[in-house]
Protein backbone atom coordinates (compact mmCIF):
# COMPACT_ATOMS: atom_id res chain seq x y z
CA UNK A 1 272.33 215.35 70.96
CA UNK A 2 271.08 216.03 74.47
CA UNK A 3 270.58 219.50 75.93
CA UNK A 4 270.90 222.89 74.38
CA UNK A 5 273.92 223.62 72.25
CA UNK A 6 276.64 225.12 74.43
CA UNK A 7 277.78 227.42 71.66
CA UNK A 8 274.48 229.30 71.75
CA UNK A 9 273.45 229.37 75.39
CA UNK A 10 271.22 232.37 75.93
CA UNK A 11 268.39 233.62 78.15
CA UNK A 12 265.87 233.04 75.36
CA UNK A 13 262.85 231.23 76.71
CA UNK A 14 260.70 228.84 74.75
CA UNK A 15 256.99 228.32 75.13
CA UNK A 16 255.65 224.77 75.47
CA UNK A 17 256.66 222.64 72.54
CA UNK A 18 255.08 222.33 69.16
CA UNK A 19 252.38 219.79 68.78
CA UNK A 20 252.28 218.92 65.11
CA UNK A 21 249.27 217.69 63.13
CA UNK A 22 247.49 214.42 63.79
CA UNK A 23 249.21 211.28 62.54
CA UNK A 24 251.87 212.78 60.26
CA UNK A 25 253.84 209.55 60.70
CA UNK A 26 251.42 207.95 58.27
CA UNK A 27 250.63 210.84 55.92
CA UNK A 28 253.43 213.37 55.78
CA UNK A 29 256.45 213.41 53.52
CA UNK A 30 259.61 212.84 55.50
CA UNK A 31 263.25 212.41 54.46
CA UNK A 32 264.81 208.97 54.44
CA UNK A 33 265.33 208.15 58.15
CA UNK A 34 268.69 206.55 57.30
CA UNK A 35 269.95 210.05 56.51
CA UNK A 36 269.31 211.16 60.09
CA UNK A 37 270.92 208.74 62.49
CA UNK A 38 271.40 209.47 66.17
CA UNK A 39 274.00 212.13 66.82
CA UNK A 40 273.67 213.67 63.35
CA UNK A 41 272.82 217.31 63.00
CA UNK A 42 269.38 218.52 61.98
CA UNK A 43 269.31 219.24 58.26
CA UNK A 44 267.80 222.58 57.32
CA UNK A 45 266.64 223.97 53.99
CA UNK A 46 266.44 227.77 53.92
CA UNK A 47 263.94 229.49 51.63
CA UNK A 48 264.69 233.06 50.55
CA UNK A 49 263.39 235.62 48.07
CA UNK A 50 266.09 238.31 48.15
CA UNK A 51 269.45 239.23 49.62
CA UNK A 52 269.37 236.45 52.19
CA UNK A 53 270.96 238.25 55.13
CA UNK A 54 269.13 236.07 57.64
CA UNK A 55 270.09 233.06 55.56
CA UNK A 56 273.72 234.11 55.84
CA UNK A 57 273.41 234.45 59.61
CA UNK A 58 271.94 230.94 59.84
CA UNK A 59 274.58 229.52 57.52
CA UNK A 60 277.62 230.97 59.28
CA UNK A 61 276.24 230.05 62.70
CA UNK A 62 275.76 226.47 61.52
CA UNK A 63 279.52 226.21 60.98
CA UNK A 64 280.50 227.09 64.53
CA UNK A 65 281.72 224.21 66.72
CA UNK A 66 278.87 222.32 68.35
CA UNK A 67 276.14 223.69 66.11
CA UNK A 68 273.17 221.27 66.16
CA UNK A 69 272.09 221.91 62.57
CA UNK A 70 273.56 222.18 59.09
CA UNK A 71 272.27 223.96 56.02
CA UNK A 72 271.71 221.46 53.23
CA UNK A 73 269.96 223.74 50.73
CA UNK A 74 269.20 227.37 49.97
CA UNK A 75 266.17 227.69 47.69
CA UNK A 76 264.37 230.66 46.20
CA UNK A 77 261.33 231.56 44.16
CA UNK A 78 263.49 234.17 42.38
CA UNK A 79 266.37 232.80 40.26
CA UNK A 80 268.03 236.23 40.49
CA UNK A 81 267.93 236.43 44.30
CA UNK A 82 271.36 237.69 45.48
CA UNK A 83 271.33 235.24 48.40
CA UNK A 84 271.69 232.33 45.99
CA UNK A 85 275.07 233.62 44.82
CA UNK A 86 276.28 233.86 48.42
CA UNK A 87 275.14 230.31 49.15
CA UNK A 88 276.93 228.98 46.07
CA UNK A 89 280.07 230.85 47.06
CA UNK A 90 279.94 229.10 50.44
CA UNK A 91 279.50 225.71 48.82
CA UNK A 92 275.85 225.21 49.75
CA UNK A 93 273.58 223.54 47.17
CA UNK A 94 271.00 225.93 45.74
CA UNK A 95 267.68 225.63 43.95
CA UNK A 96 265.64 228.29 42.15
CA UNK A 97 262.14 227.99 40.75
CA UNK A 98 260.18 231.03 39.62
CA UNK A 99 256.63 231.21 40.89
CA UNK A 100 255.48 233.33 37.96
CA UNK A 101 252.51 231.74 36.23
CA UNK A 102 252.25 228.87 38.73
CA UNK A 103 249.63 228.02 41.28
CA UNK A 104 250.63 228.24 44.90
CA UNK A 105 250.46 224.45 45.18
CA UNK A 106 252.66 223.90 42.12
CA UNK A 107 255.32 226.29 43.38
CA UNK A 108 255.32 224.73 46.82
CA UNK A 109 255.60 221.26 45.33
CA UNK A 110 258.75 222.25 43.44
CA UNK A 111 260.34 223.82 46.53
CA UNK A 112 259.37 220.91 48.74
CA UNK A 113 260.76 218.36 46.30
CA UNK A 114 264.10 220.17 46.32
CA UNK A 115 264.16 220.27 50.14
CA UNK A 116 263.42 216.56 50.38
CA UNK A 117 266.01 215.69 47.76
CA UNK A 118 268.57 217.58 49.85
CA UNK A 119 267.60 215.51 52.91
CA UNK A 120 266.10 218.42 54.87
CA UNK A 121 264.07 217.66 57.96
CA UNK A 122 263.40 221.32 58.80
CA UNK A 123 262.64 224.40 56.71
CA UNK A 124 263.65 227.91 57.79
CA UNK A 125 261.89 230.76 55.99
CA UNK A 126 264.25 233.73 55.81
CA UNK A 127 262.65 236.52 53.85
CA UNK A 128 260.65 234.11 51.71
CA UNK A 129 257.94 236.37 50.36
CA UNK A 130 255.35 233.80 49.45
CA UNK A 131 252.12 232.67 51.10
CA UNK A 132 252.33 228.91 51.42
CA UNK A 133 249.67 226.38 50.48
CA UNK A 134 247.78 224.68 53.28
CA UNK A 135 248.97 221.19 52.39
CA UNK A 136 252.62 222.21 52.36
CA UNK A 137 252.34 223.82 55.78
CA UNK A 138 250.56 220.79 57.23
CA UNK A 139 253.17 218.37 55.93
CA UNK A 140 255.92 220.36 57.65
CA UNK A 141 253.95 221.27 60.74
CA UNK A 142 256.30 221.61 63.70
CA UNK A 143 259.34 221.55 61.38
CA UNK A 144 259.02 224.90 59.59
CA UNK A 145 260.16 228.17 61.21
CA UNK A 146 259.89 231.81 60.20
CA UNK A 147 261.24 235.11 61.48
CA UNK A 148 258.92 238.11 61.60
CA UNK A 149 259.94 241.75 62.26
CA UNK A 150 257.65 242.50 65.19
CA UNK A 151 257.02 241.40 68.74
CA UNK A 152 254.23 238.97 67.93
CA UNK A 153 251.31 238.84 68.44
CA UNK A 154 251.62 242.53 67.63
CA UNK A 155 251.69 243.66 64.02
CA UNK A 156 251.24 240.57 61.91
CA UNK A 157 251.74 241.06 58.21
CA UNK A 158 253.47 244.05 56.61
CA UNK A 159 254.56 247.59 57.63
CA UNK A 160 255.43 246.40 61.12
CA UNK A 161 257.92 249.16 61.95
CA UNK A 162 255.65 251.99 60.83
CA UNK A 163 252.81 250.53 62.87
CA UNK A 164 254.97 250.23 65.99
CA UNK A 165 256.13 253.85 65.69
CA UNK A 166 252.62 255.12 65.01
CA UNK A 167 251.30 253.27 68.06
CA UNK A 168 253.91 254.96 70.28
CA UNK A 169 255.49 251.69 71.34
CA UNK A 170 258.71 251.84 73.34
CA UNK A 171 260.09 248.77 71.62
CA UNK A 172 259.90 246.96 68.34
CA UNK A 173 261.66 243.70 67.66
CA UNK A 174 261.68 240.33 65.97
CA UNK A 175 260.01 236.98 66.63
CA UNK A 176 260.89 233.47 65.54
CA UNK A 177 257.77 231.33 65.31
CA UNK A 178 256.51 228.06 63.95
CA UNK A 179 254.63 228.32 60.67
CA UNK A 180 250.93 227.53 60.61
CA UNK A 181 248.20 228.20 58.10
CA UNK A 182 247.21 231.37 59.95
CA UNK A 183 249.53 234.23 59.02
CA UNK A 184 252.24 234.90 61.63
CA UNK A 185 250.22 233.08 64.29
CA UNK A 186 252.24 229.96 65.09
CA UNK A 187 253.86 229.32 68.45
CA UNK A 188 256.44 232.02 69.24
CA UNK A 189 259.75 230.37 70.05
CA UNK A 190 261.91 233.39 70.86
CA UNK A 191 261.94 237.18 70.60
CA UNK A 192 264.42 240.06 70.62
CA UNK A 193 263.39 243.58 71.68
CA UNK A 194 264.74 246.72 69.99
CA UNK A 195 264.21 250.17 71.53
CA UNK A 196 262.42 252.77 69.43
CA UNK A 197 264.07 256.19 69.47
CA UNK A 198 262.19 259.52 69.32
CA UNK A 199 263.56 260.27 65.85
CA UNK A 200 263.21 256.80 64.40
CA UNK A 201 261.70 256.28 60.99
CA UNK A 202 260.49 252.93 59.73
CA UNK A 203 263.72 252.70 57.73
CA UNK A 204 266.08 253.46 60.61
CA UNK A 205 264.22 251.14 62.93
CA UNK A 206 264.26 248.37 60.32
CA UNK A 207 268.07 248.53 60.16
CA UNK A 208 268.44 247.88 63.89
CA UNK A 209 265.76 245.21 63.97
CA UNK A 210 267.59 243.43 61.17
CA UNK A 211 270.73 243.31 63.31
CA UNK A 212 268.69 241.76 66.11
CA UNK A 213 267.23 239.22 63.69
CA UNK A 214 270.71 238.03 62.74
CA UNK A 215 271.44 237.30 66.41
CA UNK A 216 268.04 235.83 67.22
CA UNK A 217 267.34 233.42 64.38
CA UNK A 218 270.42 231.17 64.69
CA UNK A 219 269.94 230.87 68.46
CA UNK A 220 266.24 230.11 68.19
CA UNK A 221 266.72 227.54 65.43
CA UNK A 222 269.58 225.85 67.28
CA UNK A 223 267.64 225.61 70.52
CA UNK A 224 264.54 224.33 68.75
CA UNK A 225 266.21 221.50 66.83
CA UNK A 226 268.34 220.56 69.85
CA UNK A 227 265.40 220.24 72.23
CA UNK A 228 263.77 217.72 69.90
CA UNK A 229 266.52 215.29 71.01
CA UNK A 230 266.90 216.54 74.58
CA UNK A 231 265.76 213.77 76.98
CA UNK A 232 264.78 216.31 79.66
CA UNK A 233 262.52 218.18 77.24
CA UNK A 234 261.02 214.97 75.87
CA UNK A 235 260.32 213.66 79.37
CA UNK A 236 258.61 216.94 80.26
CA UNK A 237 256.30 216.57 77.26
CA UNK A 238 255.52 212.92 78.05
CA UNK A 239 254.93 213.72 81.71
CA UNK A 240 252.43 216.46 80.87
CA UNK A 241 250.44 214.12 78.63
CA UNK A 242 250.55 211.14 80.97
CA UNK A 243 249.64 213.00 84.15
CA UNK A 244 246.66 214.59 82.40
CA UNK A 245 244.99 211.15 82.50
CA UNK A 246 242.77 210.42 85.51
CA UNK A 247 244.35 208.94 88.62
CA UNK A 248 247.78 208.74 87.04
CA UNK A 249 250.92 208.83 89.16
CA UNK A 250 254.58 208.89 88.25
CA UNK A 251 256.81 206.30 89.87
CA UNK A 252 260.36 205.28 89.08
CA UNK A 253 260.80 201.71 87.91
CA UNK A 254 264.22 200.13 87.45
CA UNK A 255 265.80 203.58 87.21
CA UNK A 256 263.35 204.95 84.63
CA UNK A 257 260.29 207.21 85.03
CA UNK A 258 257.09 205.19 84.84
CA UNK A 259 253.41 206.11 84.88
CA UNK A 260 250.74 204.15 86.75
CA UNK A 261 246.98 204.34 86.89
CA UNK A 262 244.97 203.41 89.96
CA UNK A 263 245.66 203.54 93.66
CA UNK A 264 249.08 203.89 95.19
CA UNK A 265 249.07 200.25 96.27
CA UNK A 266 247.30 198.49 93.42
CA UNK A 267 248.00 200.77 90.46
CA UNK A 268 249.39 199.35 87.22
CA UNK A 269 252.04 200.77 84.90
CA UNK A 270 250.90 201.82 81.43
CA UNK A 271 253.99 203.68 80.19
CA UNK A 272 257.72 204.06 80.79
CA UNK A 273 260.13 206.73 79.63
CA UNK A 274 263.37 205.23 78.33
CA UNK A 275 266.52 207.31 77.86
CA UNK A 276 268.57 204.83 75.80
CA UNK A 277 268.06 202.14 78.42
CA UNK A 278 269.36 198.62 77.80
CA UNK A 279 271.42 199.78 74.83
CA UNK A 280 268.47 200.77 72.67
CA UNK A 281 270.14 203.94 71.39
CA UNK A 282 266.80 205.78 71.48
CA UNK A 283 264.93 208.15 73.73
CA UNK A 284 261.58 206.41 73.71
CA UNK A 285 258.18 205.92 75.26
CA UNK A 286 257.33 202.31 76.09
CA UNK A 287 253.61 201.52 75.80
CA UNK A 288 251.43 198.42 75.60
CA UNK A 289 250.27 196.99 72.28
CA UNK A 290 247.44 194.54 71.73
CA UNK A 291 249.94 191.70 71.56
CA UNK A 292 252.94 190.22 69.85
CA UNK A 293 251.40 190.33 66.36
CA UNK A 294 250.85 194.08 66.49
CA UNK A 295 254.28 194.61 68.03
CA UNK A 296 255.94 192.67 65.20
CA UNK A 297 253.97 194.54 62.55
CA UNK A 298 254.89 197.95 63.95
CA UNK A 299 258.58 197.12 64.23
CA UNK A 300 258.77 195.49 60.80
CA UNK A 301 256.86 198.17 58.89
CA UNK A 302 257.96 201.31 60.77
CA UNK A 303 261.51 200.72 62.07
CA UNK A 304 262.19 204.48 62.06
CA UNK A 305 259.37 204.98 64.57
CA UNK A 306 259.15 201.77 66.62
CA UNK A 307 261.42 199.12 68.13
CA UNK A 308 261.08 196.08 70.35
CA UNK A 309 262.49 197.03 73.75
CA UNK A 310 264.60 194.66 75.79
CA UNK A 311 262.70 192.81 78.54
CA UNK A 312 259.40 194.66 77.99
CA UNK A 313 259.13 193.54 74.38
CA UNK A 314 258.59 189.96 75.48
CA UNK A 315 255.31 191.09 77.05
CA UNK A 316 254.04 192.98 74.01
CA UNK A 317 255.34 196.44 74.86
CA UNK A 318 256.63 198.61 72.00
CA UNK A 319 259.16 201.43 72.03
CA UNK A 320 257.89 204.62 70.36
CA UNK A 321 260.98 206.59 69.32
CA UNK A 322 260.74 210.20 70.51
CA UNK A 323 264.05 211.69 69.34
CA UNK A 324 263.35 211.59 65.62
CA UNK A 325 262.30 214.06 62.91
CA UNK A 326 258.61 214.68 62.40
CA UNK A 327 257.46 213.35 65.77
CA UNK A 328 253.74 213.94 66.20
CA UNK A 329 252.82 214.61 69.82
CA UNK A 330 249.16 213.90 69.06
CA UNK A 331 250.32 210.42 68.06
CA UNK A 332 252.21 210.11 71.36
CA UNK A 333 249.07 211.17 73.21
CA UNK A 334 247.00 208.59 71.36
CA UNK A 335 249.39 205.83 72.43
CA UNK A 336 249.42 207.00 76.04
CA UNK A 337 245.61 207.08 76.11
CA UNK A 338 245.33 203.65 74.55
CA UNK A 339 247.90 202.10 76.89
CA UNK A 340 246.24 203.76 79.89
CA UNK A 341 242.85 202.33 78.93
CA UNK A 342 244.33 198.85 78.60
CA UNK A 343 245.16 198.71 82.34
CA UNK A 344 242.86 201.30 83.94
CA UNK A 345 240.02 200.17 86.17
CA UNK A 346 236.76 199.94 84.21
CA UNK A 347 235.22 202.78 86.21
CA UNK A 348 237.97 205.10 84.89
CA UNK A 349 238.32 203.83 81.34
CA UNK A 350 234.65 204.56 80.66
CA UNK A 351 235.15 208.19 81.65
CA UNK A 352 238.13 209.11 79.47
CA UNK A 353 238.34 209.72 75.74
CA UNK A 354 242.06 209.48 74.81
CA UNK A 355 241.58 212.29 72.29
CA UNK A 356 240.90 214.64 75.19
CA UNK A 357 244.50 214.48 76.44
CA UNK A 358 246.20 215.95 73.35
């Protein structure tokens, strides 16, 4: 799906996109790529610990026409969580696994296994009152979101409303952010501001912030999963990485954006951006491999990530699929740096470490 979902157009602004850990394509656990073909909706597992009001907001929004995601699982660390009953009533598969007596890693493994079995490619934390293990967070880096009841970076952790009132702030609010191993510190995707009245208590303020959360979270999640398949957004990310390399220029080639290194007259192309060109069905980055053997190996062993592009494939170029779950932008940067070095003048190639561009 290209572009933001029309059903949720809003003035929410997103910061530059999530990067993701290094090389998750080779080490992370991902759902079967056959479950997520082009045009399908993103598949979201929602983790809760209680009533699940934000879960309900996400679920009902997912059923509006044009929604870019669907809820495939609601899971909880508390088998008695009221939100599970609501999910079952709405026909959503549920999973419950008590954390009592378990290590953090063991609990996370059970929840993750349920999410993967349901085919989830994103996780939305919605009142999930557990600190996650480092490995779990890393495996879902860039694909796990949370909502926090403050205007981050203010007031990470607990008692956010009381702290905002005590500080004399004019506004409280809510933030949707990516989950990292540092508490409430991942990239902020969207925020909603809520005015603080002179007679507000933490309880009264919390009620209004909760209303804002129910509006904010579905919009932020929808925009985030949609932009992962938006050619304009993907080109912007590729452009930023490519043009960070020395003496790189963008030039259109056969109707597609291309990137060259060297002088205006004698420069050579090292990458092309392909928006489903020549019937490929993918938004992709075309880069140079070491030759036909490597190209064949990549395409044969990783068909969910690579393909042989028309015309360019005959010269050893490979298509790196961008509009897919779990894309690692560090991996994209590595390929751009490697392809750049393969054609750059020697005086430039000696000066640039590809790792510096990501």
